Amino acid sequence: MSEHAQPKDIDFAVDRNNLYREESFTDLKVASIRRLIPVNQDGTEDRSRTPIFLGHTQLMSPEGPVPLQARLMANNLDEAMNEFPKAMESALAQVVENLKELQKKEAEEKGDSRIIVP
């Protein structure tokens, strides 16, 4: 049996009770903020659910761009802009931690596979 999902095993059905309209805001420098506005099946705004704000940016590294994204705990765009720097710093710290963990794991694997000759 294949380890990969077969097309017939993937559920492509749209969750009609969890629809959002997307708006994007940017300062054309660092910040990109997406506001996901809950909508009903007919596209009208669903005021019973709270909008979701997501922050995005990318940093350049010697290996290329490093994308960062995080949910912004905000109720409006002003709060989202205020939350953006802290959320990106946290996302960057998580990326750095993940890279350190990966490097440590790779070092351990290389250490285990060394042949020591007396």
PDB file of N, CA and C in Angstrom:
ATOM      1  N   MET A   1       0.838  -1.179   0.000  1.00  0.00           N
ATOM      2  CA  MET A   1       0.000   0.000   0.000  1.00  0.00           C
ATOM      3  C   MET A   1       0.887   1.248   0.000  1.00  0.00           C
ATOM      4  N   SER A   2       0.530   2.232  -0.770  1.00  0.00           N
ATOM      5  CA  SER A   2       1.304   3.459  -0.902  1.00  0.00           C
ATOM      6  C   SER A   2       1.195   4.320   0.351  1.00  0.00           C
ATOM      7  N   GLU A   3       2.313   4.989   0.677  1.00  0.00           N
ATOM      8  CA  GLU A   3       2.319   5.899   1.822  1.00  0.00           C
ATOM      9  C   GLU A   3       1.591   7.198   1.507  1.00  0.00           C
ATOM     10  N   HIS A   4       1.442   7.524   0.236  1.00  0.00           N
ATOM     11  CA  HIS A   4       0.839   8.784  -0.177  1.00  0.00           C
ATOM     12  C   HIS A   4      -0.673   8.633  -0.328  1.00  0.00           C
ATOM     13  N   ALA A   5      -1.395   9.707   0.000  1.00  0.00           N
ATOM     14  CA  ALA A   5      -2.851   9.694  -0.147  1.00  0.00           C
ATOM     15  C   ALA A   5      -3.214   9.605  -1.618  1.00  0.00           C
ATOM     16  N   GLN A   6      -4.207   8.832  -1.885  1.00  0.00           N
ATOM     17  CA  GLN A   6      -4.722   8.699  -3.235  1.00  0.00           C
ATOM     18  C   GLN A   6      -5.799   9.772  -3.444  1.00  0.00           C
ATOM     19  N   PRO A   7      -5.988  10.258  -4.675  1.00  0.00           N
ATOM     20  CA  PRO A   7      -6.992  11.289  -4.911  1.00  0.00           C
ATOM     21  C   PRO A   7      -8.376  10.932  -4.348  1.00  0.00           C
ATOM     22  N   LYS A   8      -8.756   9.679  -4.417  1.00  0.00           N
ATOM     23  CA  LYS A   8     -10.068   9.284  -3.916  1.00  0.00           C
ATOM     24  C   LYS A   8     -10.153   9.346  -2.389  1.00  0.00           C
ATOM     25  N   ASP A   9      -8.994   9.425  -1.715  1.00  0.00           N
ATOM     26  CA  ASP A   9      -8.963   9.485  -0.257  1.00  0.00           C
ATOM     27  C   ASP A   9      -9.025  10.908   0.290  1.00  0.00           C
ATOM     28  N   ILE A  10      -8.947  11.903  -0.594  1.00  0.00           N
ATOM     29  CA  ILE A  10      -8.926  13.296  -0.166  1.00  0.00           C
ATOM     30  C   ILE A  10     -10.345  13.865  -0.249  1.00  0.00           C
ATOM     31  N   ASP A  11     -10.768  14.520   0.830  1.00  0.00           N
ATOM     32  CA  ASP A  11     -12.091  15.141   0.873  1.00  0.00           C
ATOM     33  C   ASP A  11     -11.968  16.587   0.409  1.00  0.00           C
ATOM     34  N   PHE A  12     -12.464  16.888  -0.786  1.00  0.00           N
ATOM     35  CA  PHE A  12     -12.391  18.228  -1.354  1.00  0.00           C
ATOM     36  C   PHE A  12     -13.662  19.037  -1.103  1.00  0.00           C
ATOM     37  N   ALA A  13     -14.539  18.556  -0.245  1.00  0.00           N
ATOM     38  CA  ALA A  13     -15.791  19.248   0.014  1.00  0.00           C
ATOM     39  C   ALA A  13     -15.536  20.576   0.726  1.00  0.00           C
ATOM     40  N   VAL A  14     -16.259  21.603   0.310  1.00  0.00           N
ATOM     41  CA  VAL A  14     -16.156  22.925   0.928  1.00  0.00           C
ATOM     42  C   VAL A  14     -16.949  22.923   2.232  1.00  0.00           C
ATOM     43  N   ASP A  15     -16.326  23.412   3.306  1.00  0.00           N
ATOM     44  CA  ASP A  15     -17.023  23.541   4.588  1.00  0.00           C
ATOM     45  C   ASP A  15     -17.868  24.802   4.525  1.00  0.00           C
ATOM     46  N   ARG A  16     -19.114  24.657   4.165  1.00  0.00           N
ATOM     47  CA  ARG A  16     -20.009  25.795   3.931  1.00  0.00           C
ATOM     48  C   ARG A  16     -20.355  26.554   5.211  1.00  0.00           C
ATOM     49  N   ASN A  17     -20.041  25.997   6.353  1.00  0.00           N
ATOM     50  CA  ASN A  17     -20.313  26.667   7.627  1.00  0.00           C
ATOM     51  C   ASN A  17     -19.081  27.376   8.178  1.00  0.00           C
ATOM     52  N   ASN A  18     -18.014  27.422   7.382  1.00  0.00           N
ATOM     53  CA  ASN A  18     -16.767  28.035   7.841  1.00  0.00           C
ATOM     54  C   ASN A  18     -16.134  28.855   6.707  1.00  0.00           C
ATOM     55  N   LEU A  19     -16.932  29.726   6.110  1.00  0.00           N
ATOM     56  CA  LEU A  19     -16.469  30.523   4.978  1.00  0.00           C
ATOM     57  C   LEU A  19     -15.996  31.906   5.441  1.00  0.00           C
ATOM     58  N   TYR A  20     -14.966  32.426   4.746  1.00  0.00           N
ATOM     59  CA  TYR A  20     -14.416  33.740   5.061  1.00  0.00           C
ATOM     60  C   TYR A  20     -14.131  34.501   3.775  1.00  0.00           C
ATOM     61  N   ARG A  21     -14.285  35.820   3.849  1.00  0.00           N
ATOM     62  CA  ARG A  21     -13.859  36.722   2.777  1.00  0.00           C
ATOM     63  C   ARG A  21     -12.535  37.316   3.245  1.00  0.00           C
ATOM     64  N   GLU A  22     -11.607  37.475   2.339  1.00  0.00           N
ATOM     65  CA  GLU A  22     -10.273  37.931   2.715  1.00  0.00           C
ATOM     66  C   GLU A  22     -10.016  39.349   2.226  1.00  0.00           C
ATOM     67  N   GLU A  23      -9.455  40.170   3.128  1.00  0.00           N
ATOM     68  CA  GLU A  23      -8.993  41.505   2.776  1.00  0.00           C
ATOM     69  C   GLU A  23      -7.517  41.584   3.146  1.00  0.00           C
ATOM     70  N   SER A  24      -6.737  42.310   2.354  1.00  0.00           N
ATOM     71  CA  SER A  24      -5.307  42.436   2.624  1.00  0.00           C
ATOM     72  C   SER A  24      -4.935  43.898   2.815  1.00  0.00           C
ATOM     73  N   PHE A  25      -4.007  44.117   3.752  1.00  0.00           N
ATOM     74  CA  PHE A  25      -3.480  45.445   4.034  1.00  0.00           C
ATOM     75  C   PHE A  25      -1.958  45.333   4.066  1.00  0.00           C
ATOM     76  N   THR A  26      -1.274  46.330   3.511  1.00  0.00           N
ATOM     77  CA  THR A  26       0.187  46.303   3.533  1.00  0.00           C
ATOM     78  C   THR A  26       0.743  47.711   3.623  1.00  0.00           C
ATOM     79  N   ASP A  27       1.925  47.837   4.204  1.00  0.00           N
ATOM     80  CA  ASP A  27       2.625  49.124   4.228  1.00  0.00           C
ATOM     81  C   ASP A  27       3.659  49.190   3.097  1.00  0.00           C
ATOM     82  N   LEU A  28       3.707  48.169   2.252  1.00  0.00           N
ATOM     83  CA  LEU A  28       4.639  48.051   1.130  1.00  0.00           C
ATOM     84  C   LEU A  28       6.094  48.019   1.574  1.00  0.00           C
ATOM     85  N   LYS A  29       6.332  47.771   2.872  1.00  0.00           N
ATOM     86  CA  LYS A  29       7.696  47.657   3.389  1.00  0.00           C
ATOM     87  C   LYS A  29       7.874  46.315   4.077  1.00  0.00           C
ATOM     88  N   VAL A  30       7.237  46.181   5.232  1.00  0.00           N
ATOM     89  CA  VAL A  30       7.442  45.006   6.073  1.00  0.00           C
ATOM     90  C   VAL A  30       6.147  44.242   6.307  1.00  0.00           C
ATOM     91  N   ALA A  31       5.093  44.976   6.605  1.00  0.00           N
ATOM     92  CA  ALA A  31       3.867  44.349   7.098  1.00  0.00           C
ATOM     93  C   ALA A  31       2.878  43.989   6.001  1.00  0.00           C
ATOM     94  N   SER A  32       2.326  42.807   6.162  1.00  0.00           N
ATOM     95  CA  SER A  32       1.192  42.360   5.370  1.00  0.00           C
ATOM     96  C   SER A  32       0.206  41.749   6.364  1.00  0.00           C
ATOM     97  N   ILE A  33      -0.993  42.310   6.410  1.00  0.00           N
ATOM     98  CA  ILE A  33      -2.004  41.844   7.347  1.00  0.00           C
ATOM     99  C   ILE A  33      -3.231  41.410   6.564  1.00  0.00           C
ATOM    100  N   ARG A  34      -3.688  40.214   6.839  1.00  0.00           N
ATOM    101  CA  ARG A  34      -4.907  39.692   6.211  1.00  0.00           C
ATOM    102  C   ARG A  34      -6.029  39.689   7.245  1.00  0.00           C
ATOM    103  N   ARG A  35      -7.188  40.185   6.848  1.00  0.00           N
ATOM    104  CA  ARG A  35      -8.367  40.109   7.703  1.00  0.00           C
ATOM    105  C   ARG A  35      -9.320  39.122   7.038  1.00  0.00           C
ATOM    106  N   LEU A  36      -9.650  38.073   7.762  1.00  0.00           N
ATOM    107  CA  LEU A  36     -10.588  37.074   7.275  1.00  0.00           C
ATOM    108  C   LEU A  36     -11.935  37.368   7.923  1.00  0.00           C
ATOM    109  N   ILE A  37     -12.892  37.765   7.100  1.00  0.00           N
ATOM    110  CA  ILE A  37     -14.205  38.159   7.583  1.00  0.00           C
ATOM    111  C   ILE A  37     -15.159  36.991   7.387  1.00  0.00           C
ATOM    112  N   PRO A  38     -15.783  36.520   8.460  1.00  0.00           N
ATOM    113  CA  PRO A  38     -16.711  35.393   8.332  1.00  0.00           C
ATOM    114  C   PRO A  38     -17.906  35.771   7.458  1.00  0.00           C
ATOM    115  N   VAL A  39     -18.288  34.864   6.579  1.00  0.00           N
ATOM    116  CA  VAL A  39     -19.450  35.091   5.717  1.00  0.00           C
ATOM    117  C   VAL A  39     -20.367  33.875   5.734  1.00  0.00           C
ATOM    118  N   ASN A  40     -21.605  34.134   5.392  1.00  0.00           N
ATOM    119  CA  ASN A  40     -22.593  33.060   5.225  1.00  0.00           C
ATOM    120  C   ASN A  40     -22.433  32.449   3.846  1.00  0.00           C
ATOM    121  N   GLN A  41     -23.163  31.403   3.576  1.00  0.00           N
ATOM    122  CA  GLN A  41     -23.077  30.721   2.281  1.00  0.00           C
ATOM    123  C   GLN A  41     -23.419  31.632   1.115  1.00  0.00           C
ATOM    124  N   ASP A  42     -24.244  32.647   1.343  1.00  0.00           N
ATOM    125  CA  ASP A  42     -24.614  33.568   0.262  1.00  0.00           C
ATOM    126  C   ASP A  42     -23.626  34.732   0.121  1.00  0.00           C
ATOM    127  N   GLY A  43     -22.564  34.733   0.933  1.00  0.00           N
ATOM    128  CA  GLY A  43     -21.537  35.767   0.835  1.00  0.00           C
ATOM    129  C   GLY A  43     -21.769  36.965   1.744  1.00  0.00           C
ATOM    130  N   THR A  44     -22.900  37.021   2.424  1.00  0.00           N
ATOM    131  CA  THR A  44     -23.149  38.125   3.343  1.00  0.00           C
ATOM    132  C   THR A  44     -22.333  37.908   4.615  1.00  0.00           C
ATOM    133  N   GLU A  45     -21.965  39.021   5.265  1.00  0.00           N
ATOM    134  CA  GLU A  45     -21.148  38.939   6.472  1.00  0.00           C
ATOM    135  C   GLU A  45     -21.896  38.219   7.590  1.00  0.00           C
ATOM    136  N   ASP A  46     -21.206  37.305   8.246  1.00  0.00           N
ATOM    137  CA  ASP A  46     -21.755  36.555   9.378  1.00  0.00           C
ATOM    138  C   ASP A  46     -21.288  37.237  10.658  1.00  0.00           C
ATOM    139  N   ARG A  47     -22.120  38.095  11.207  1.00  0.00           N
ATOM    140  CA  ARG A  47     -21.744  38.894  12.377  1.00  0.00           C
ATOM    141  C   ARG A  47     -21.731  38.076  13.672  1.00  0.00           C
ATOM    142  N   SER A  48     -22.152  36.816  13.619  1.00  0.00           N
ATOM    143  CA  SER A  48     -22.109  35.986  14.824  1.00  0.00           C
ATOM    144  C   SER A  48     -20.709  35.424  15.081  1.00  0.00           C
ATOM    145  N   ARG A  49     -19.822  35.546  14.087  1.00  0.00           N
ATOM    146  CA  ARG A  49     -18.440  35.073  14.239  1.00  0.00           C
ATOM    147  C   ARG A  49     -17.478  36.258  14.171  1.00  0.00           C
ATOM    148  N   THR A  50     -16.329  36.099  14.789  1.00  0.00           N
ATOM    149  CA  THR A  50     -15.324  37.164  14.881  1.00  0.00           C
ATOM    150  C   THR A  50     -14.339  37.084  13.717  1.00  0.00           C
ATOM    151  N   PRO A  51     -13.976  38.236  13.133  1.00  0.00           N
ATOM    152  CA  PRO A  51     -12.936  38.223  12.091  1.00  0.00           C
ATOM    153  C   PRO A  51     -11.610  37.712  12.652  1.00  0.00           C
ATOM    154  N   ILE A  52     -10.780  37.179  11.778  1.00  0.00           N
ATOM    155  CA  ILE A  52      -9.460  36.661  12.135  1.00  0.00           C
ATOM    156  C   ILE A  52      -8.421  37.520  11.422  1.00  0.00           C
ATOM    157  N   PHE A  53      -7.387  37.928  12.150  1.00  0.00           N
ATOM    158  CA  PHE A  53      -6.289  38.700  11.568  1.00  0.00           C
ATOM    159  C   PHE A  53      -5.032  37.842  11.545  1.00  0.00           C
ATOM    160  N   LEU A  54      -4.327  37.860  10.401  1.00  0.00           N
ATOM    161  CA  LEU A  54      -3.088  37.117  10.231  1.00  0.00           C
ATOM    162  C   LEU A  54      -2.009  38.070   9.738  1.00  0.00           C
ATOM    163  N   GLY A  55      -0.828  37.999  10.345  1.00  0.00           N
ATOM    164  CA  GLY A  55       0.295  38.815   9.923  1.00  0.00           C
ATOM    165  C   GLY A  55       1.283  37.994   9.121  1.00  0.00           C
ATOM    166  N   HIS A  56       1.858  38.623   8.096  1.00  0.00           N
ATOM    167  CA  HIS A  56       2.843  37.956   7.236  1.00  0.00           C
ATOM    168  C   HIS A  56       3.982  38.919   6.948  1.00  0.00           C
ATOM    169  N   THR A  57       5.178  38.390   6.898  1.00  0.00           N
ATOM    170  CA  THR A  57       6.340  39.133   6.421  1.00  0.00           C
ATOM    171  C   THR A  57       7.373  38.113   5.982  1.00  0.00           C
ATOM    172  N   GLN A  58       8.469  38.575   5.408  1.00  0.00           N
ATOM    173  CA  GLN A  58       9.561  37.664   5.098  1.00  0.00           C
ATOM    174  C   GLN A  58      10.881  38.371   5.305  1.00  0.00           C
ATOM    175  N   LEU A  59      11.838  37.603   5.754  1.00  0.00           N
ATOM    176  CA  LEU A  59      13.186  38.105   5.989  1.00  0.00           C
ATOM    177  C   LEU A  59      14.113  37.460   4.974  1.00  0.00           C
ATOM    178  N   MET A  60      15.131  38.178   4.572  1.00  0.00           N
ATOM    179  CA  MET A  60      16.103  37.609   3.648  1.00  0.00           C
ATOM    180  C   MET A  60      17.237  36.966   4.437  1.00  0.00           C
ATOM    181  N   SER A  61      17.634  35.787   3.997  1.00  0.00           N
ATOM    182  CA  SER A  61      18.750  35.071   4.594  1.00  0.00           C
ATOM    183  C   SER A  61      19.698  34.675   3.467  1.00  0.00           C
ATOM    184  N   PRO A  62      20.891  34.222   3.790  1.00  0.00           N
ATOM    185  CA  PRO A  62      21.809  33.774   2.738  1.00  0.00           C
ATOM    186  C   PRO A  62      21.220  32.643   1.885  1.00  0.00           C
ATOM    187  N   GLU A  63      20.298  31.871   2.471  1.00  0.00           N
ATOM    188  CA  GLU A  63      19.674  30.765   1.741  1.00  0.00           C
ATOM    189  C   GLU A  63      18.413  31.189   0.992  1.00  0.00           C
ATOM    190  N   GLY A  64      18.018  32.456   1.130  1.00  0.00           N
ATOM    191  CA  GLY A  64      16.812  32.943   0.461  1.00  0.00           C
ATOM    192  C   GLY A  64      15.801  33.481   1.461  1.00  0.00           C
ATOM    193  N   PRO A  65      14.611  33.825   0.976  1.00  0.00           N
ATOM    194  CA  PRO A  65      13.605  34.420   1.862  1.00  0.00           C
ATOM    195  C   PRO A  65      13.077  33.431   2.898  1.00  0.00           C
ATOM    196  N   VAL A  66      12.856  33.949   4.104  1.00  0.00           N
ATOM    197  CA  VAL A  66      12.286  33.157   5.193  1.00  0.00           C
ATOM    198  C   VAL A  66      10.921  33.758   5.512  1.00  0.00           C
ATOM    199  N   PRO A  67       9.842  33.045   5.176  1.00  0.00           N
ATOM    200  CA  PRO A  67       8.510  33.588   5.460  1.00  0.00           C
ATOM    201  C   PRO A  67       8.160  33.442   6.937  1.00  0.00           C
ATOM    202  N   LEU A  68       7.526  34.476   7.484  1.00  0.00           N
ATOM    203  CA  LEU A  68       7.032  34.440   8.851  1.00  0.00           C
ATOM    204  C   LEU A  68       5.543  34.757   8.813  1.00  0.00           C
ATOM    205  N   GLN A  69       4.774  34.045   9.601  1.00  0.00           N
ATOM    206  CA  GLN A  69       3.353  34.354   9.706  1.00  0.00           C
ATOM    207  C   GLN A  69       2.864  33.982  11.091  1.00  0.00           C
ATOM    208  N   ALA A  70       1.852  34.707  11.533  1.00  0.00           N
ATOM    209  CA  ALA A  70       1.295  34.448  12.851  1.00  0.00           C
ATOM    210  C   ALA A  70      -0.112  35.027  12.918  1.00  0.00           C
ATOM    211  N   ARG A  71      -0.916  34.406  13.751  1.00  0.00           N
ATOM    212  CA  ARG A  71      -2.243  34.956  14.013  1.00  0.00           C
ATOM    213  C   ARG A  71      -2.069  36.174  14.909  1.00  0.00           C
ATOM    214  N   LEU A  72      -2.781  37.226  14.595  1.00  0.00           N
ATOM    215  CA  LEU A  72      -2.741  38.443  15.376  1.00  0.00           C
ATOM    216  C   LEU A  72      -3.984  38.483  16.252  1.00  0.00           C
ATOM    217  N   MET A  73      -3.782  38.489  17.544  1.00  0.00           N
ATOM    218  CA  MET A  73      -4.900  38.506  18.475  1.00  0.00           C
ATOM    219  C   MET A  73      -5.431  39.928  18.547  1.00  0.00           C
ATOM    220  N   ALA A  74      -6.376  40.241  17.659  1.00  0.00           N
ATOM    221  CA  ALA A  74      -6.889  41.595  17.521  1.00  0.00           C
ATOM    222  C   ALA A  74      -8.367  41.570  17.156  1.00  0.00           C
ATOM    223  N   ASN A  75      -9.040  42.645  17.494  1.00  0.00           N
ATOM    224  CA  ASN A  75     -10.462  42.794  17.164  1.00  0.00           C
ATOM    225  C   ASN A  75     -10.692  43.754  16.011  1.00  0.00           C
ATOM    226  N   ASN A  76      -9.656  44.532  15.666  1.00  0.00           N
ATOM    227  CA  ASN A  76      -9.785  45.480  14.556  1.00  0.00           C
ATOM    228  C   ASN A  76      -8.402  45.706  13.946  1.00  0.00           C
ATOM    229  N   LEU A  77      -8.368  46.455  12.846  1.00  0.00           N
ATOM    230  CA  LEU A  77      -7.110  46.649  12.120  1.00  0.00           C
ATOM    231  C   LEU A  77      -6.081  47.400  12.953  1.00  0.00           C
ATOM    232  N   ASP A  78      -6.505  48.398  13.712  1.00  0.00           N
ATOM    233  CA  ASP A  78      -5.561  49.151  14.549  1.00  0.00           C
ATOM    234  C   ASP A  78      -4.887  48.229  15.554  1.00  0.00           C
ATOM    235  N   GLU A  79      -5.657  47.391  16.225  1.00  0.00           N
ATOM    236  CA  GLU A  79      -5.083  46.433  17.174  1.00  0.00           C
ATOM    237  C   GLU A  79      -4.149  45.461  16.461  1.00  0.00           C
ATOM    238  N   ALA A  80      -4.520  45.048  15.252  1.00  0.00           N
ATOM    239  CA  ALA A  80      -3.689  44.116  14.483  1.00  0.00           C
ATOM    240  C   ALA A  80      -2.337  44.749  14.150  1.00  0.00           C
ATOM    241  N   MET A  81      -2.345  46.032  13.772  1.00  0.00           N
ATOM    242  CA  MET A  81      -1.080  46.716  13.469  1.00  0.00           C
ATOM    243  C   MET A  81      -0.212  46.837  14.722  1.00  0.00           C
ATOM    244  N   ASN A  82      -0.828  47.069  15.856  1.00  0.00           N
ATOM    245  CA  ASN A  82      -0.074  47.155  17.112  1.00  0.00           C
ATOM    246  C   ASN A  82       0.478  45.792  17.525  1.00  0.00           C
ATOM    247  N   GLU A  83      -0.246  44.740  17.226  1.00  0.00           N
ATOM    248  CA  GLU A  83       0.143  43.378  17.596  1.00  0.00           C
ATOM    249  C   GLU A  83       1.217  42.819  16.653  1.00  0.00           C
ATOM    250  N   PHE A  84       1.288  43.340  15.432  1.00  0.00           N
ATOM    251  CA  PHE A  84       2.151  42.801  14.379  1.00  0.00           C
ATOM    252  C   PHE A  84       3.611  42.629  14.808  1.00  0.00           C
ATOM    253  N   PRO A  85       4.287  43.666  15.332  1.00  0.00           N
ATOM    254  CA  PRO A  85       5.714  43.493  15.666  1.00  0.00           C
ATOM    255  C   PRO A  85       5.960  42.373  16.673  1.00  0.00           C
ATOM    256  N   LYS A  86       5.173  42.322  17.720  1.00  0.00           N
ATOM    257  CA  LYS A  86       5.351  41.293  18.750  1.00  0.00           C
ATOM    258  C   LYS A  86       5.102  39.896  18.162  1.00  0.00           C
ATOM    259  N   ALA A  87       4.086  39.780  17.329  1.00  0.00           N
ATOM    260  CA  ALA A  87       3.765  38.478  16.732  1.00  0.00           C
ATOM    261  C   ALA A  87       4.866  38.013  15.781  1.00  0.00           C
ATOM    262  N   MET A  88       5.462  38.942  15.016  1.00  0.00           N
ATOM    263  CA  MET A  88       6.533  38.560  14.091  1.00  0.00           C
ATOM    264  C   MET A  88       7.801  38.192  14.858  1.00  0.00           C
ATOM    265  N   GLU A  89       8.085  38.904  15.959  1.00  0.00           N
ATOM    266  CA  GLU A  89       9.235  38.548  16.793  1.00  0.00           C
ATOM    267  C   GLU A  89       9.068  37.149  17.366  1.00  0.00           C
ATOM    268  N   SER A  90       7.857  36.840  17.794  1.00  0.00           N
ATOM    269  CA  SER A  90       7.574  35.507  18.331  1.00  0.00           C
ATOM    270  C   SER A  90       7.701  34.439  17.242  1.00  0.00           C
ATOM    271  N   ALA A  91       7.185  34.734  16.056  1.00  0.00           N
ATOM    272  CA  ALA A  91       7.287  33.783  14.940  1.00  0.00           C
ATOM    273  C   ALA A  91       8.746  33.558  14.562  1.00  0.00           C
ATOM    274  N   LEU A  92       9.544  34.623  14.564  1.00  0.00           N
ATOM    275  CA  LEU A  92      10.966  34.494  14.251  1.00  0.00           C
ATOM    276  C   LEU A  92      11.671  33.647  15.305  1.00  0.00           C
ATOM    277  N   ALA A  93      11.357  33.881  16.570  1.00  0.00           N
ATOM    278  CA  ALA A  93      11.963  33.082  17.646  1.00  0.00           C
ATOM    279  C   ALA A  93      11.626  31.605  17.468  1.00  0.00           C
ATOM    280  N   GLN A  94      10.399  31.312  17.038  1.00  0.00           N
ATOM    281  CA  GLN A  94       9.994  29.915  16.818  1.00  0.00           C
ATOM    282  C   GLN A  94      10.760  29.305  15.647  1.00  0.00           C
ATOM    283  N   VAL A  95      10.948  30.067  14.584  1.00  0.00           N
ATOM    284  CA  VAL A  95      11.716  29.571  13.433  1.00  0.00           C
ATOM    285  C   VAL A  95      13.151  29.284  13.853  1.00  0.00           C
ATOM    286  N   VAL A  96      13.763  30.197  14.604  1.00  0.00           N
ATOM    287  CA  VAL A  96      15.142  30.002  15.072  1.00  0.00           C
ATOM    288  C   VAL A  96      15.227  28.757  15.943  1.00  0.00           C
ATOM    289  N   GLU A  97      14.271  28.595  16.853  1.00  0.00           N
ATOM    290  CA  GLU A  97      14.245  27.414  17.727  1.00  0.00           C
ATOM    291  C   GLU A  97      14.122  26.127  16.903  1.00  0.00           C
ATOM    292  N   ASN A  98      13.241  26.146  15.894  1.00  0.00           N
ATOM    293  CA  ASN A  98      13.071  24.967  15.028  1.00  0.00           C
ATOM    294  C   ASN A  98      14.354  24.646  14.276  1.00  0.00           C
ATOM    295  N   LEU A  99      15.061  25.684  13.804  1.00  0.00           N
ATOM    296  CA  LEU A  99      16.318  25.458  13.091  1.00  0.00           C
ATOM    297  C   LEU A  99      17.382  24.875  14.015  1.00  0.00           C
ATOM    298  N   LYS A 100      17.446  25.389  15.236  1.00  0.00           N
ATOM    299  CA  LYS A 100      18.410  24.843  16.203  1.00  0.00           C
ATOM    300  C   LYS A 100      18.108  23.377  16.488  1.00  0.00           C
ATOM    301  N   GLU A 101      16.843  23.067  16.642  1.00  0.00           N
ATOM    302  CA  GLU A 101      16.422  21.681  16.904  1.00  0.00           C
ATOM    303  C   GLU A 101      16.801  20.781  15.723  1.00  0.00           C
ATOM    304  N   LEU A 102      16.590  21.269  14.509  1.00  0.00           N
ATOM    305  CA  LEU A 102      16.942  20.506  13.310  1.00  0.00           C
ATOM    306  C   LEU A 102      18.448  20.293  13.216  1.00  0.00           C
ATOM    307  N   GLN A 103      19.218  21.338  13.497  1.00  0.00           N
ATOM    308  CA  GLN A 103      20.676  21.210  13.466  1.00  0.00           C
ATOM    309  C   GLN A 103      21.161  20.216  14.512  1.00  0.00           C
ATOM    310  N   LYS A 104      20.566  20.271  15.686  1.00  0.00           N
ATOM    311  CA  LYS A 104      20.936  19.344  16.754  1.00  0.00           C
ATOM    312  C   LYS A 104      20.634  17.906  16.338  1.00  0.00           C
ATOM    313  N   LYS A 105      19.465  17.712  15.744  1.00  0.00           N
ATOM    314  CA  LYS A 105      19.067  16.375  15.301  1.00  0.00           C
ATOM    315  C   LYS A 105      20.017  15.849  14.221  1.00  0.00           C
ATOM    316  N   GLU A 106      20.363  16.718  13.266  1.00  0.00           N
ATOM    317  CA  GLU A 106      21.289  16.320  12.204  1.00  0.00           C
ATOM    318  C   GLU A 106      22.664  15.983  12.775  1.00  0.00           C
ATOM    319  N   ALA A 107      23.124  16.773  13.746  1.00  0.00           N
ATOM    320  CA  ALA A 107      24.427  16.516  14.365  1.00  0.00           C
ATOM    321  C   ALA A 107      24.417  15.178  15.090  1.00  0.00           C
ATOM    322  N   GLU A 108      23.320  14.869  15.771  1.00  0.00           N
ATOM    323  CA  GLU A 108      23.209  13.589  16.473  1.00  0.00           C
ATOM    324  C   GLU A 108      23.210  12.426  15.484  1.00  0.00           C
ATOM    325  N   GLU A 109      22.495  12.593  14.371  1.00  0.00           N
ATOM    326  CA  GLU A 109      22.452  11.525  13.361  1.00  0.00           C
ATOM    327  C   GLU A 109      23.831  11.310  12.747  1.00  0.00           C
ATOM    328  N   LYS A 110      24.543  12.384  12.479  1.00  0.00           N
ATOM    329  CA  LYS A 110      25.896  12.243  11.926  1.00  0.00           C
ATOM    330  C   LYS A 110      26.823  11.613  12.939  1.00  0.00           C
ATOM    331  N   GLY A 111      26.658  11.992  14.197  1.00  0.00           N
ATOM    332  CA  GLY A 111      27.486  11.412  15.262  1.00  0.00           C
ATOM    333  C   GLY A 111      27.251   9.934  15.417  1.00  0.00           C
ATOM    334  N   ASP A 112      26.026   9.479  15.243  1.00  0.00           N
ATOM    335  CA  ASP A 112      25.692   8.071  15.387  1.00  0.00           C
ATOM    336  C   ASP A 112      26.213   7.238  14.221  1.00  0.00           C
ATOM    337  N   SER A 113      26.417   7.867  13.074  1.00  0.00           N
ATOM    338  CA  SER A 113      26.798   7.089  11.905  1.00  0.00           C
ATOM    339  C   SER A 113      28.315   7.095  11.655  1.00  0.00           C
ATOM    340  N   ARG A 114      29.056   7.767  12.509  1.00  0.00           N
ATOM    341  CA  ARG A 114      30.505   7.798  12.315  1.00  0.00           C
ATOM    342  C   ARG A 114      31.133   6.433  12.613  1.00  0.00           C
ATOM    343  N   ILE A 115      32.117   6.116  11.827  1.00  0.00           N
ATOM    344  CA  ILE A 115      32.877   4.887  12.074  1.00  0.00           C
ATOM    345  C   ILE A 115      34.174   5.317  12.749  1.00  0.00           C
ATOM    346  N   ILE A 116      34.390   4.792  13.895  1.00  0.00           N
ATOM    347  CA  ILE A 116      35.602   5.130  14.660  1.00  0.00           C
ATOM    348  C   ILE A 116      36.620   4.032  14.429  1.00  0.00           C
ATOM    349  N   VAL A 117      37.749   4.445  13.900  1.00  0.00           N
ATOM    350  CA  VAL A 117      38.827   3.499  13.634  1.00  0.00           C
ATOM    351  C   VAL A 117      39.938   3.743  14.631  1.00  0.00           C
ATOM    352  N   PRO A 118      40.338   2.687  15.357  1.00  0.00           N
ATOM    353  CA  PRO A 118      41.414   2.864  16.365  1.00  0.00           C
ATOM    354  C   PRO A 118      42.753   3.122  15.725  1.00  0.00           C
TER     355      PRO A 118
END
